[in-house]
Amino acid sequence: MIKTISLSLVAISLLLVSIVAIAEPPNGEYYPSPHPPSAQPDDLITQTVNIILAQGFSGAIIVVLFGYIWKEGKNNRATQKENFDKFVAISAECSGHMASVSARLENIEREIESTKMEMLRKG
């Protein structure tokens, strides 16, 4: 039992050491940079395009997703404006109906008060 546990620990530690050894980046002194430094500084747009092109397939996906999000945002803004205009129209209509209901309730309240006064005078 103890041998099995100790051998397992040794095997796991060797596996972890080999993963760390493989995962280390190469030393810059021995391996030259794949991209030579440019003589003049590029503007922001050129740098961005170079970064996206350097990514390959991932860069293409980023560009497509950017276009999709931009298009959907544009559509959402138009829909939001449309819905807001509908809300304003419905709100104005509700305000008119509420004023009508309020006037009716005031009339009913006056009728109840007058009926109450008549009943008190008779009673």
PDB file of N, CA and C in Angstrom:
ATOM      1  N   MET A   1       0.833  -1.190   0.000  1.00  0.00           N
ATOM      2  CA  MET A   1       0.000   0.000   0.000  1.00  0.00           C
ATOM      3  C   MET A   1       0.877   1.254   0.000  1.00  0.00           C
ATOM      4  N   ILE A   2       1.878   1.292   0.863  1.00  0.00           N
ATOM      5  CA  ILE A   2       2.754   2.451   0.945  1.00  0.00           C
ATOM      6  C   ILE A   2       3.599   2.557  -0.327  1.00  0.00           C
ATOM      7  N   LYS A   3       4.034   1.395  -0.870  1.00  0.00           N
ATOM      8  CA  LYS A   3       4.814   1.411  -2.103  1.00  0.00           C
ATOM      9  C   LYS A   3       3.984   1.983  -3.251  1.00  0.00           C
ATOM     10  N   THR A   4       2.718   1.612  -3.303  1.00  0.00           N
ATOM     11  CA  THR A   4       1.847   2.088  -4.379  1.00  0.00           C
ATOM     12  C   THR A   4       1.662   3.594  -4.306  1.00  0.00           C
ATOM     13  N   ILE A   5       1.445   4.087  -3.096  1.00  0.00           N
ATOM     14  CA  ILE A   5       1.247   5.527  -2.912  1.00  0.00           C
ATOM     15  C   ILE A   5       2.522   6.287  -3.244  1.00  0.00           C
ATOM     16  N   SER A   6       3.667   5.783  -2.763  1.00  0.00           N
ATOM     17  CA  SER A   6       4.923   6.484  -3.022  1.00  0.00           C
ATOM     18  C   SER A   6       5.274   6.448  -4.512  1.00  0.00           C
ATOM     19  N   LEU A   7       5.043   5.325  -5.190  1.00  0.00           N
ATOM     20  CA  LEU A   7       5.297   5.252  -6.626  1.00  0.00           C
ATOM     21  C   LEU A   7       4.357   6.174  -7.405  1.00  0.00           C
ATOM     22  N   SER A   8       3.131   6.254  -6.947  1.00  0.00           N
ATOM     23  CA  SER A   8       2.172   7.158  -7.595  1.00  0.00           C
ATOM     24  C   SER A   8       2.619   8.600  -7.444  1.00  0.00           C
ATOM     25  N   LEU A   9       3.076   8.978  -6.245  1.00  0.00           N
ATOM     26  CA  LEU A   9       3.552  10.335  -6.018  1.00  0.00           C
ATOM     27  C   LEU A   9       4.775  10.646  -6.880  1.00  0.00           C
ATOM     28  N   VAL A  10       5.691   9.691  -7.002  1.00  0.00           N
ATOM     29  CA  VAL A  10       6.878   9.885  -7.831  1.00  0.00           C
ATOM     30  C   VAL A  10       6.474  10.056  -9.299  1.00  0.00           C
ATOM     31  N   ALA A  11       5.539   9.224  -9.755  1.00  0.00           N
ATOM     32  CA  ALA A  11       5.097   9.310 -11.156  1.00  0.00           C
ATOM     33  C   ALA A  11       4.412  10.651 -11.427  1.00  0.00           C
ATOM     34  N   ILE A  12       3.572  11.097 -10.502  1.00  0.00           N
ATOM     35  CA  ILE A  12       2.878  12.373 -10.667  1.00  0.00           C
ATOM     36  C   ILE A  12       3.870  13.525 -10.662  1.00  0.00           C
ATOM     37  N   SER A  13       4.851  13.479  -9.760  1.00  0.00           N
ATOM     38  CA  SER A  13       5.833  14.563  -9.709  1.00  0.00           C
ATOM     39  C   SER A  13       6.682  14.598 -10.981  1.00  0.00           C
ATOM     40  N   LEU A  14       7.060  13.437 -11.524  1.00  0.00           N
ATOM     41  CA  LEU A  14       7.800  13.404 -12.784  1.00  0.00           C
ATOM     42  C   LEU A  14       6.954  13.950 -13.933  1.00  0.00           C
ATOM     43  N   LEU A  15       5.680  13.631 -13.941  1.00  0.00           N
ATOM     44  CA  LEU A  15       4.782  14.141 -14.980  1.00  0.00           C
ATOM     45  C   LEU A  15       4.675  15.657 -14.899  1.00  0.00           C
ATOM     46  N   LEU A  16       4.522  16.188 -13.697  1.00  0.00           N
ATOM     47  CA  LEU A  16       4.426  17.635 -13.532  1.00  0.00           C
ATOM     48  C   LEU A  16       5.720  18.337 -13.934  1.00  0.00           C
ATOM     49  N   VAL A  17       6.870  17.757 -13.569  1.00  0.00           N
ATOM     50  CA  VAL A  17       8.154  18.353 -13.940  1.00  0.00           C
ATOM     51  C   VAL A  17       8.319  18.343 -15.453  1.00  0.00           C
ATOM     52  N   SER A  18       7.896  17.277 -16.114  1.00  0.00           N
ATOM     53  CA  SER A  18       8.040  17.216 -17.575  1.00  0.00           C
ATOM     54  C   SER A  18       7.102  18.217 -18.250  1.00  0.00           C
ATOM     55  N   ILE A  19       5.906  18.432 -17.695  1.00  0.00           N
ATOM     56  CA  ILE A  19       4.981  19.416 -18.267  1.00  0.00           C
ATOM     57  C   ILE A  19       5.565  20.818 -18.130  1.00  0.00           C
ATOM     58  N   VAL A  20       6.141  21.141 -16.972  1.00  0.00           N
ATOM     59  CA  VAL A  20       6.732  22.460 -16.757  1.00  0.00           C
ATOM     60  C   VAL A  20       7.935  22.656 -17.672  1.00  0.00           C
ATOM     61  N   ALA A  21       8.742  21.618 -17.855  1.00  0.00           N
ATOM     62  CA  ALA A  21       9.930  21.723 -18.696  1.00  0.00           C
ATOM     63  C   ALA A  21       9.543  21.935 -20.153  1.00  0.00           C
ATOM     64  N   ILE A  22       8.476  21.284 -20.602  1.00  0.00           N
ATOM     65  CA  ILE A  22       8.034  21.436 -21.982  1.00  0.00           C
ATOM     66  C   ILE A  22       7.375  22.800 -22.184  1.00  0.00           C
ATOM     67  N   ALA A  23       6.685  23.300 -21.177  1.00  0.00           N
ATOM     68  CA  ALA A  23       5.901  24.520 -21.315  1.00  0.00           C
ATOM     69  C   ALA A  23       6.733  25.796 -21.243  1.00  0.00           C
ATOM     70  N   GLU A  24       8.008  25.693 -20.911  1.00  0.00           N
ATOM     71  CA  GLU A  24       8.817  26.897 -20.802  1.00  0.00           C
ATOM     72  C   GLU A  24       9.051  27.512 -22.182  1.00  0.00           C
ATOM     73  N   PRO A  25       8.988  28.843 -22.296  1.00  0.00           N
ATOM     74  CA  PRO A  25       9.208  29.473 -23.592  1.00  0.00           C
ATOM     75  C   PRO A  25      10.695  29.413 -23.966  1.00  0.00           C
ATOM     76  N   PRO A  26      10.974  29.467 -25.265  1.00  0.00           N
ATOM     77  CA  PRO A  26      12.387  29.426 -25.674  1.00  0.00           C
ATOM     78  C   PRO A  26      13.116  30.690 -25.256  1.00  0.00           C
ATOM     79  N   ASN A  27      14.395  30.547 -25.046  1.00  0.00           N
ATOM     80  CA  ASN A  27      15.217  31.677 -24.640  1.00  0.00           C
ATOM     81  C   ASN A  27      15.455  32.583 -25.837  1.00  0.00           C
ATOM     82  N   GLY A  28      15.276  33.889 -25.663  1.00  0.00           N
ATOM     83  CA  GLY A  28      15.407  34.848 -26.751  1.00  0.00           C
ATOM     84  C   GLY A  28      16.821  34.984 -27.275  1.00  0.00           C
ATOM     85  N   GLU A  29      17.802  34.623 -26.474  1.00  0.00           N
ATOM     86  CA  GLU A  29      19.188  34.745 -26.923  1.00  0.00           C
ATOM     87  C   GLU A  29      19.523  33.733 -28.008  1.00  0.00           C
ATOM     88  N   TYR A  30      18.930  32.551 -27.944  1.00  0.00           N
ATOM     89  CA  TYR A  30      19.266  31.485 -28.879  1.00  0.00           C
ATOM     90  C   TYR A  30      18.370  31.477 -30.112  1.00  0.00           C
ATOM     91  N   TYR A  31      17.153  31.993 -29.963  1.00  0.00           N
ATOM     92  CA  TYR A  31      16.206  31.972 -31.076  1.00  0.00           C
ATOM     93  C   TYR A  31      15.922  33.399 -31.518  1.00  0.00           C
ATOM     94  N   PRO A  32      16.186  33.725 -32.761  1.00  0.00           N
ATOM     95  CA  PRO A  32      15.931  35.097 -33.221  1.00  0.00           C
ATOM     96  C   PRO A  32      14.421  35.361 -33.315  1.00  0.00           C
ATOM     97  N   SER A  33      14.067  36.609 -33.226  1.00  0.00           N
ATOM     98  CA  SER A  33      12.665  37.013 -33.319  1.00  0.00           C
ATOM     99  C   SER A  33      12.162  36.767 -34.734  1.00  0.00           C
ATOM    100  N   PRO A  34      10.943  36.196 -34.914  1.00  0.00           N
ATOM    101  CA  PRO A  34      10.442  35.938 -36.266  1.00  0.00           C
ATOM    102  C   PRO A  34      10.089  37.223 -37.009  1.00  0.00           C
ATOM    103  N   HIS A  35       9.818  38.297 -36.294  1.00  0.00           N
ATOM    104  CA  HIS A  35       9.472  39.575 -36.908  1.00  0.00           C
ATOM    105  C   HIS A  35      10.578  40.585 -36.619  1.00  0.00           C
ATOM    106  N   PRO A  36      11.286  41.003 -37.633  1.00  0.00           N
ATOM    107  CA  PRO A  36      12.332  42.007 -37.377  1.00  0.00           C
ATOM    108  C   PRO A  36      11.696  43.338 -36.988  1.00  0.00           C
ATOM    109  N   PRO A  37      12.345  44.097 -36.138  1.00  0.00           N
ATOM    110  CA  PRO A  37      11.765  45.375 -35.735  1.00  0.00           C
ATOM    111  C   PRO A  37      11.681  46.332 -36.922  1.00  0.00           C
ATOM    112  N   SER A  38      10.580  47.084 -36.981  1.00  0.00           N
ATOM    113  CA  SER A  38      10.405  48.008 -38.104  1.00  0.00           C
ATOM    114  C   SER A  38      11.184  49.295 -37.816  1.00  0.00           C
ATOM    115  N   ALA A  39      11.626  49.934 -38.892  1.00  0.00           N
ATOM    116  CA  ALA A  39      12.442  51.134 -38.757  1.00  0.00           C
ATOM    117  C   ALA A  39      11.606  52.326 -38.318  1.00  0.00           C
ATOM    118  N   GLN A  40      10.394  52.448 -38.844  1.00  0.00           N
ATOM    119  CA  GLN A  40       9.560  53.583 -38.471  1.00  0.00           C
ATOM    120  C   GLN A  40       8.323  53.079 -37.732  1.00  0.00           C
ATOM    121  N   PRO A  41       7.836  53.843 -36.787  1.00  0.00           N
ATOM    122  CA  PRO A  41       6.657  53.394 -36.050  1.00  0.00           C
ATOM    123  C   PRO A  41       5.411  53.456 -36.935  1.00  0.00           C
ATOM    124  N   ASP A  42       4.587  52.422 -36.844  1.00  0.00           N
ATOM    125  CA  ASP A  42       3.351  52.369 -37.616  1.00  0.00           C
ATOM    126  C   ASP A  42       2.235  53.092 -36.866  1.00  0.00           C
ATOM    127  N   ASP A  43       1.245  53.519 -37.623  1.00  0.00           N
ATOM    128  CA  ASP A  43       0.094  54.147 -36.959  1.00  0.00           C
ATOM    129  C   ASP A  43      -0.776  53.055 -36.341  1.00  0.00           C
ATOM    130  N   LEU A  44      -1.775  53.457 -35.596  1.00  0.00           N
ATOM    131  CA  LEU A  44      -2.603  52.534 -34.831  1.00  0.00           C
ATOM    132  C   LEU A  44      -3.373  51.584 -35.737  1.00  0.00           C
ATOM    133  N   ILE A  45      -3.876  52.066 -36.855  1.00  0.00           N
ATOM    134  CA  ILE A  45      -4.655  51.221 -37.752  1.00  0.00           C
ATOM    135  C   ILE A  45      -3.777  50.130 -38.355  1.00  0.00           C
ATOM    136  N   THR A  46      -2.572  50.483 -38.776  1.00  0.00           N
ATOM    137  CA  THR A  46      -1.658  49.503 -39.351  1.00  0.00           C
ATOM    138  C   THR A  46      -1.265  48.462 -38.310  1.00  0.00           C
ATOM    139  N   GLN A  47      -1.014  48.891 -37.097  1.00  0.00           N
ATOM    140  CA  GLN A  47      -0.673  47.946 -36.032  1.00  0.00           C
ATOM    141  C   GLN A  47      -1.820  46.990 -35.769  1.00  0.00           C
ATOM    142  N   THR A  48      -3.047  47.520 -35.743  1.00  0.00           N
ATOM    143  CA  THR A  48      -4.215  46.674 -35.495  1.00  0.00           C
ATOM    144  C   THR A  48      -4.386  45.652 -36.611  1.00  0.00           C
ATOM    145  N   VAL A  49      -4.262  46.091 -37.859  1.00  0.00           N
ATOM    146  CA  VAL A  49      -4.388  45.170 -38.993  1.00  0.00           C
ATOM    147  C   VAL A  49      -3.296  44.105 -38.932  1.00  0.00           C
ATOM    148  N   ASN A  50      -2.078  44.499 -38.605  1.00  0.00           N
ATOM    149  CA  ASN A  50      -0.982  43.523 -38.503  1.00  0.00           C
ATOM    150  C   ASN A  50      -1.237  42.505 -37.409  1.00  0.00           C
ATOM    151  N   ILE A  51      -1.788  42.949 -36.292  1.00  0.00           N
ATOM    152  CA  ILE A  51      -2.095  42.013 -35.196  1.00  0.00           C
ATOM    153  C   ILE A  51      -3.155  41.016 -35.644  1.00  0.00           C
ATOM    154  N   ILE A  52      -4.204  41.512 -36.320  1.00  0.00           N
ATOM    155  CA  ILE A  52      -5.281  40.618 -36.774  1.00  0.00           C
ATOM    156  C   ILE A  52      -4.755  39.643 -37.824  1.00  0.00           C
ATOM    157  N   LEU A  53      -3.925  40.119 -38.762  1.00  0.00           N
ATOM    158  CA  LEU A  53      -3.368  39.233 -39.789  1.00  0.00           C
ATOM    159  C   LEU A  53      -2.434  38.194 -39.173  1.00  0.00           C
ATOM    160  N   ALA A  54      -1.724  38.572 -38.127  1.00  0.00           N
ATOM    161  CA  ALA A  54      -0.809  37.639 -37.478  1.00  0.00           C
ATOM    162  C   ALA A  54      -1.584  36.520 -36.777  1.00  0.00           C
ATOM    163  N   GLN A  55      -2.834  36.787 -36.415  1.00  0.00           N
ATOM    164  CA  GLN A  55      -3.625  35.777 -35.718  1.00  0.00           C
ATOM    165  C   GLN A  55      -4.190  34.720 -36.662  1.00  0.00           C
ATOM    166  N   GLY A  56      -4.252  35.000 -37.950  1.00  0.00           N
ATOM    167  CA  GLY A  56      -4.735  34.019 -38.924  1.00  0.00           C
ATOM    168  C   GLY A  56      -6.228  33.798 -38.802  1.00  0.00           C
ATOM    169  N   PHE A  57      -6.620  32.540 -38.588  1.00  0.00           N
ATOM    170  CA  PHE A  57      -8.035  32.165 -38.514  1.00  0.00           C
ATOM    171  C   PHE A  57      -8.733  32.877 -37.364  1.00  0.00           C
ATOM    172  N   SER A  58      -8.060  33.012 -36.241  1.00  0.00           N
ATOM    173  CA  SER A  58      -8.640  33.719 -35.095  1.00  0.00           C
ATOM    174  C   SER A  58      -8.904  35.178 -35.445  1.00  0.00           C
ATOM    175  N   GLY A  59      -8.003  35.796 -36.169  1.00  0.00           N
ATOM    176  CA  GLY A  59      -8.193  37.183 -36.589  1.00  0.00           C
ATOM    177  C   GLY A  59      -9.389  37.321 -37.508  1.00  0.00           C
ATOM    178  N   ALA A  60      -9.574  36.349 -38.410  1.00  0.00           N
ATOM    179  CA  ALA A  60     -10.729  36.377 -39.307  1.00  0.00           C
ATOM    180  C   ALA A  60     -12.028  36.255 -38.512  1.00  0.00           C
ATOM    181  N   ILE A  61     -12.030  35.393 -37.520  1.00  0.00           N
ATOM    182  CA  ILE A  61     -13.219  35.234 -36.675  1.00  0.00           C
ATOM    183  C   ILE A  61     -13.497  36.531 -35.929  1.00  0.00           C
ATOM    184  N   ILE A  62     -12.453  37.190 -35.438  1.00  0.00           N
ATOM    185  CA  ILE A  62     -12.627  38.458 -34.722  1.00  0.00           C
ATOM    186  C   ILE A  62     -13.250  39.502 -35.636  1.00  0.00           C
ATOM    187  N   VAL A  63     -12.784  39.578 -36.883  1.00  0.00           N
ATOM    188  CA  VAL A  63     -13.324  40.556 -37.830  1.00  0.00           C
ATOM    189  C   VAL A  63     -14.793  40.252 -38.129  1.00  0.00           C
ATOM    190  N   VAL A  64     -15.113  38.984 -38.343  1.00  0.00           N
ATOM    191  CA  VAL A  64     -16.503  38.602 -38.633  1.00  0.00           C
ATOM    192  C   VAL A  64     -17.399  38.912 -37.437  1.00  0.00           C
ATOM    193  N   LEU A  65     -16.948  38.588 -36.236  1.00  0.00           N
ATOM    194  CA  LEU A  65     -17.748  38.871 -35.040  1.00  0.00           C
ATOM    195  C   LEU A  65     -17.924  40.365 -34.836  1.00  0.00           C
ATOM    196  N   PHE A  66     -16.890  41.149 -35.122  1.00  0.00           N
ATOM    197  CA  PHE A  66     -17.014  42.598 -35.009  1.00  0.00           C
ATOM    198  C   PHE A  66     -18.091  43.116 -35.960  1.00  0.00           C
ATOM    199  N   GLY A  67     -18.069  42.642 -37.205  1.00  0.00           N
ATOM    200  CA  GLY A  67     -19.080  43.060 -38.178  1.00  0.00           C
ATOM    201  C   GLY A  67     -20.477  42.658 -37.743  1.00  0.00           C
ATOM    202  N   TYR A  68     -20.625  41.442 -37.235  1.00  0.00           N
ATOM    203  CA  TYR A  68     -21.930  40.963 -36.786  1.00  0.00           C
ATOM    204  C   TYR A  68     -22.444  41.795 -35.608  1.00  0.00           C
ATOM    205  N   ILE A  69     -21.574  42.052 -34.637  1.00  0.00           N
ATOM    206  CA  ILE A  69     -21.982  42.827 -33.460  1.00  0.00           C
ATOM    207  C   ILE A  69     -22.339  44.251 -33.861  1.00  0.00           C
ATOM    208  N   TRP A  70     -21.584  44.838 -34.785  1.00  0.00           N
ATOM    209  CA  TRP A  70     -21.870  46.199 -35.238  1.00  0.00           C
ATOM    210  C   TRP A  70     -23.229  46.263 -35.925  1.00  0.00           C
ATOM    211  N   LYS A  71     -23.510  45.272 -36.802  1.00  0.00           N
ATOM    212  CA  LYS A  71     -24.783  45.234 -37.514  1.00  0.00           C
ATOM    213  C   LYS A  71     -25.942  45.031 -36.539  1.00  0.00           C
ATOM    214  N   GLU A  72     -25.787  44.094 -35.607  1.00  0.00           N
ATOM    215  CA  GLU A  72     -26.849  43.840 -34.635  1.00  0.00           C
ATOM    216  C   GLU A  72     -27.073  45.046 -33.729  1.00  0.00           C
ATOM    217  N   GLY A  73     -26.007  45.743 -33.342  1.00  0.00           N
ATOM    218  CA  GLY A  73     -26.147  46.941 -32.522  1.00  0.00           C
ATOM    219  C   GLY A  73     -26.920  48.018 -33.258  1.00  0.00           C
ATOM    220  N   LYS A  74     -26.652  48.147 -34.549  1.00  0.00           N
ATOM    221  CA  LYS A  74     -27.373  49.125 -35.372  1.00  0.00           C
ATOM    222  C   LYS A  74     -28.859  48.769 -35.435  1.00  0.00           C
ATOM    223  N   ASN A  75     -29.150  47.494 -35.666  1.00  0.00           N
ATOM    224  CA  ASN A  75     -30.553  47.046 -35.700  1.00  0.00           C
ATOM    225  C   ASN A  75     -31.231  47.240 -34.351  1.00  0.00           C
ATOM    226  N   ASN A  76     -30.515  46.954 -33.273  1.00  0.00           N
ATOM    227  CA  ASN A  76     -31.088  47.095 -31.934  1.00  0.00           C
ATOM    228  C   ASN A  76     -31.386  48.552 -31.605  1.00  0.00           C
ATOM    229  N   ARG A  77     -30.509  49.460 -32.031  1.00  0.00           N
ATOM    230  CA  ARG A  77     -30.768  50.880 -31.791  1.00  0.00           C
ATOM    231  C   ARG A  77     -32.021  51.332 -32.524  1.00  0.00           C
ATOM    232  N   ALA A  78     -32.209  50.867 -33.768  1.00  0.00           N
ATOM    233  CA  ALA A  78     -33.406  51.224 -34.536  1.00  0.00           C
ATOM    234  C   ALA A  78     -34.656  50.652 -33.872  1.00  0.00           C
ATOM    235  N   THR A  79     -34.595  49.408 -33.422  1.00  0.00           N
ATOM    236  CA  THR A  79     -35.734  48.785 -32.746  1.00  0.00           C
ATOM    237  C   THR A  79     -36.034  49.490 -31.429  1.00  0.00           C
ATOM    238  N   GLN A  80     -34.982  49.875 -30.710  1.00  0.00           N
ATOM    239  CA  GLN A  80     -35.176  50.567 -29.437  1.00  0.00           C
ATOM    240  C   GLN A  80     -35.849  51.924 -29.660  1.00  0.00           C
ATOM    241  N   LYS A  81     -35.462  52.652 -30.694  1.00  0.00           N
ATOM    242  CA  LYS A  81     -36.083  53.940 -30.997  1.00  0.00           C
ATOM    243  C   LYS A  81     -37.549  53.738 -31.361  1.00  0.00           C
ATOM    244  N   GLU A  82     -37.827  52.716 -32.157  1.00  0.00           N
ATOM    245  CA  GLU A  82     -39.196  52.399 -32.546  1.00  0.00           C
ATOM    246  C   GLU A  82     -40.048  52.075 -31.320  1.00  0.00           C
ATOM    247  N   ASN A  83     -39.524  51.241 -30.438  1.00  0.00           N
ATOM    248  CA  ASN A  83     -40.258  50.868 -29.225  1.00  0.00           C
ATOM    249  C   ASN A  83     -40.468  52.071 -28.311  1.00  0.00           C
ATOM    250  N   PHE A  84     -39.486  52.961 -28.231  1.00  0.00           N
ATOM    251  CA  PHE A  84     -39.635  54.144 -27.392  1.00  0.00           C
ATOM    252  C   PHE A  84     -40.735  55.055 -27.938  1.00  0.00           C
ATOM    253  N   ASP A  85     -40.781  55.203 -29.266  1.00  0.00           N
ATOM    254  CA  ASP A  85     -41.837  56.013 -29.870  1.00  0.00           C
ATOM    255  C   ASP A  85     -43.214  55.410 -29.593  1.00  0.00           C
ATOM    256  N   LYS A  86     -43.330  54.073 -29.670  1.00  0.00           N
ATOM    257  CA  LYS A  86     -44.592  53.400 -29.340  1.00  0.00           C
ATOM    258  C   LYS A  86     -44.956  53.641 -27.880  1.00  0.00           C
ATOM    259  N   PHE A  87     -43.957  53.564 -27.006  1.00  0.00           N
ATOM    260  CA  PHE A  87     -44.198  53.776 -25.583  1.00  0.00           C
ATOM    261  C   PHE A  87     -44.719  55.183 -25.320  1.00  0.00           C
ATOM    262  N   VAL A  88     -44.149  56.182 -25.982  1.00  0.00           N
ATOM    263  CA  VAL A  88     -44.590  57.568 -25.805  1.00  0.00           C
ATOM    264  C   VAL A  88     -46.040  57.712 -26.256  1.00  0.00           C
ATOM    265  N   ALA A  89     -46.387  57.093 -27.392  1.00  0.00           N
ATOM    266  CA  ALA A  89     -47.756  57.180 -27.890  1.00  0.00           C
ATOM    267  C   ALA A  89     -48.729  56.505 -26.927  1.00  0.00           C
ATOM    268  N   ILE A  90     -48.380  55.330 -26.446  1.00  0.00           N
ATOM    269  CA  ILE A  90     -49.257  54.607 -25.508  1.00  0.00           C
ATOM    270  C   ILE A  90     -49.368  55.371 -24.198  1.00  0.00           C
ATOM    271  N   SER A  91     -48.279  55.952 -23.739  1.00  0.00           N
ATOM    272  CA  SER A  91     -48.293  56.725 -22.499  1.00  0.00           C
ATOM    273  C   SER A  91     -49.222  57.929 -22.621  1.00  0.00           C
ATOM    274  N   ALA A  92     -49.175  58.623 -23.754  1.00  0.00           N
ATOM    275  CA  ALA A  92     -50.058  59.771 -23.958  1.00  0.00           C
ATOM    276  C   ALA A  92     -51.517  59.332 -23.986  1.00  0.00           C
ATOM    277  N   GLU A  93     -51.771  58.195 -24.645  1.00  0.00           N
ATOM    278  CA  GLU A  93     -53.147  57.676 -24.700  1.00  0.00           C
ATOM    279  C   GLU A  93     -53.634  57.291 -23.306  1.00  0.00           C
ATOM    280  N   CYS A  94     -52.773  56.650 -22.526  1.00  0.00           N
ATOM    281  CA  CYS A  94     -53.148  56.256 -21.157  1.00  0.00           C
ATOM    282  C   CYS A  94     -53.404  57.486 -20.283  1.00  0.00           C
ATOM    283  N   SER A  95     -52.621  58.523 -20.479  1.00  0.00           N
ATOM    284  CA  SER A  95     -52.825  59.743 -19.695  1.00  0.00           C
ATOM    285  C   SER A  95     -54.208  60.326 -19.971  1.00  0.00           C
ATOM    286  N   GLY A  96     -54.635  60.316 -21.231  1.00  0.00           N
ATOM    287  CA  GLY A  96     -55.968  60.803 -21.574  1.00  0.00           C
ATOM    288  C   GLY A  96     -57.047  59.961 -20.931  1.00  0.00           C
ATOM    289  N   HIS A  97     -56.890  58.648 -20.971  1.00  0.00           N
ATOM    290  CA  HIS A  97     -57.882  57.759 -20.351  1.00  0.00           C
ATOM    291  C   HIS A  97     -57.907  57.931 -18.834  1.00  0.00           C
ATOM    292  N   MET A  98     -56.748  58.117 -18.238  1.00  0.00           N
ATOM    293  CA  MET A  98     -56.687  58.298 -16.784  1.00  0.00           C
ATOM    294  C   MET A  98     -57.377  59.604 -16.375  1.00  0.00           C
ATOM    295  N   ALA A  99     -57.232  60.653 -17.168  1.00  0.00           N
ATOM    296  CA  ALA A  99     -57.913  61.921 -16.869  1.00  0.00           C
ATOM    297  C   ALA A  99     -59.419  61.731 -16.950  1.00  0.00           C
ATOM    298  N   SER A 100     -59.879  60.967 -17.929  1.00  0.00           N
ATOM    299  CA  SER A 100     -61.311  60.694 -18.068  1.00  0.00           C
ATOM    300  C   SER A 100     -61.829  59.897 -16.872  1.00  0.00           C
ATOM    301  N   VAL A 101     -61.096  58.880 -16.464  1.00  0.00           N
ATOM    302  CA  VAL A 101     -61.494  58.062 -15.307  1.00  0.00           C
ATOM    303  C   VAL A 101     -61.499  58.907 -14.034  1.00  0.00           C
ATOM    304  N   SER A 102     -60.507  59.766 -13.894  1.00  0.00           N
ATOM    305  CA  SER A 102     -60.441  60.632 -12.719  1.00  0.00           C
ATOM    306  C   SER A 102     -61.650  61.564 -12.660  1.00  0.00           C
ATOM    307  N   ALA A 103     -62.044  62.143 -13.801  1.00  0.00           N
ATOM    308  CA  ALA A 103     -63.220  63.028 -13.825  1.00  0.00           C
ATOM    309  C   ALA A 103     -64.475  62.246 -13.466  1.00  0.00           C
ATOM    310  N   ARG A 104     -64.627  61.041 -13.982  1.00  0.00           N
ATOM    311  CA  ARG A 104     -65.798  60.212 -13.653  1.00  0.00           C
ATOM    312  C   ARG A 104     -65.838  59.887 -12.169  1.00  0.00           C
ATOM    313  N   LEU A 105     -64.683  59.549 -11.602  1.00  0.00           N
ATOM    314  CA  LEU A 105     -64.653  59.231 -10.161  1.00  0.00           C
ATOM    315  C   LEU A 105     -65.035  60.442  -9.316  1.00  0.00           C
ATOM    316  N   GLU A 106     -64.596  61.619  -9.724  1.00  0.00           N
ATOM    317  CA  GLU A 106     -64.974  62.833  -8.986  1.00  0.00           C
ATOM    318  C   GLU A 106     -66.474  63.060  -9.065  1.00  0.00           C
ATOM    319  N   ASN A 107     -67.064  62.825 -10.242  1.00  0.00           N
ATOM    320  CA  ASN A 107     -68.515  62.965 -10.372  1.00  0.00           C
ATOM    321  C   ASN A 107     -69.244  61.960  -9.495  1.00  0.00           C
ATOM    322  N   ILE A 108     -68.772  60.726  -9.472  1.00  0.00           N
ATOM    323  CA  ILE A 108     -69.399  59.703  -8.622  1.00  0.00           C
ATOM    324  C   ILE A 108     -69.267  60.082  -7.158  1.00  0.00           C
ATOM    325  N   GLU A 109     -68.121  60.601  -6.766  1.00  0.00           N
ATOM    326  CA  GLU A 109     -67.907  61.018  -5.376  1.00  0.00           C
ATOM    327  C   GLU A 109     -68.885  62.132  -4.995  1.00  0.00           C
ATOM    328  N   ARG A 110     -69.087  63.110  -5.876  1.00  0.00           N
ATOM    329  CA  ARG A 110     -70.036  64.189  -5.605  1.00  0.00           C
ATOM    330  C   ARG A 110     -71.467  63.659  -5.483  1.00  0.00           C
ATOM    331  N   GLU A 111     -71.827  62.712  -6.367  1.00  0.00           N
ATOM    332  CA  GLU A 111     -73.176  62.138  -6.299  1.00  0.00           C
ATOM    333  C   GLU A 111     -73.379  61.389  -4.995  1.00  0.00           C
ATOM    334  N   ILE A 112     -72.372  60.646  -4.566  1.00  0.00           N
ATOM    335  CA  ILE A 112     -72.485  59.903  -3.299  1.00  0.00           C
ATOM    336  C   ILE A 112     -72.624  60.875  -2.135  1.00  0.00           C
ATOM    337  N   GLU A 113     -71.847  61.938  -2.131  1.00  0.00           N
ATOM    338  CA  GLU A 113     -71.934  62.932  -1.053  1.00  0.00           C
ATOM    339  C   GLU A 113     -73.307  63.593  -1.035  1.00  0.00           C
ATOM    340  N   SER A 114     -73.822  63.950  -2.215  1.00  0.00           N
ATOM    341  CA  SER A 114     -75.144  64.595  -2.248  1.00  0.00           C
ATOM    342  C   SER A 114     -76.223  63.620  -1.796  1.00  0.00           C
ATOM    343  N   THR A 115     -76.120  62.337  -2.206  1.00  0.00           N
ATOM    344  CA  THR A 115     -77.091  61.334  -1.766  1.00  0.00           C
ATOM    345  C   THR A 115     -76.999  61.129  -0.266  1.00  0.00           C
ATOM    346  N   LYS A 116     -75.819  61.136   0.259  1.00  0.00           N
ATOM    347  CA  LYS A 116     -75.604  60.973   1.701  1.00  0.00           C
ATOM    348  C   LYS A 116     -76.242  62.139   2.460  1.00  0.00           C
ATOM    349  N   MET A 117     -76.081  63.368   1.974  1.00  0.00           N
ATOM    350  CA  MET A 117     -76.668  64.541   2.630  1.00  0.00           C
ATOM    351  C   MET A 117     -78.201  64.480   2.596  1.00  0.00           C
ATOM    352  N   GLU A 118     -78.764  64.032   1.452  1.00  0.00           N
ATOM    353  CA  GLU A 118     -80.214  63.915   1.347  1.00  0.00           C
ATOM    354  C   GLU A 118     -80.735  62.870   2.329  1.00  0.00           C
ATOM    355  N   MET A 119     -80.021  61.776   2.473  1.00  0.00           N
ATOM    356  CA  MET A 119     -80.460  60.725   3.394  1.00  0.00           C
ATOM    357  C   MET A 119     -80.361  61.224   4.827  1.00  0.00           C
ATOM    358  N   LEU A 120     -79.383  62.041   5.163  1.00  0.00           N
ATOM    359  CA  LEU A 120     -79.261  62.558   6.524  1.00  0.00           C
ATOM    360  C   LEU A 120     -80.365  63.552   6.824  1.00  0.00           C
ATOM    361  N   ARG A 121     -80.756  64.366   5.829  1.00  0.00           N
ATOM    362  CA  ARG A 121     -81.841  65.341   6.027  1.00  0.00           C
ATOM    363  C   ARG A 121     -83.188  64.635   6.227  1.00  0.00           C
ATOM    364  N   LYS A 122     -83.426  63.572   5.463  1.00  0.00           N
ATOM    365  CA  LYS A 122     -84.690  62.853   5.565  1.00  0.00           C
ATOM    366  C   LYS A 122     -84.745  62.012   6.831  1.00  0.00           C
ATOM    367  N   GLY A 123     -83.606  61.470   7.227  1.00  0.00           N
ATOM    368  CA  GLY A 123     -83.581  60.538   8.325  1.00  0.00           C
ATOM    369  C   GLY A 123     -83.526  61.146   9.639  1.00  0.00           C
TER     370      GLY A 123
END
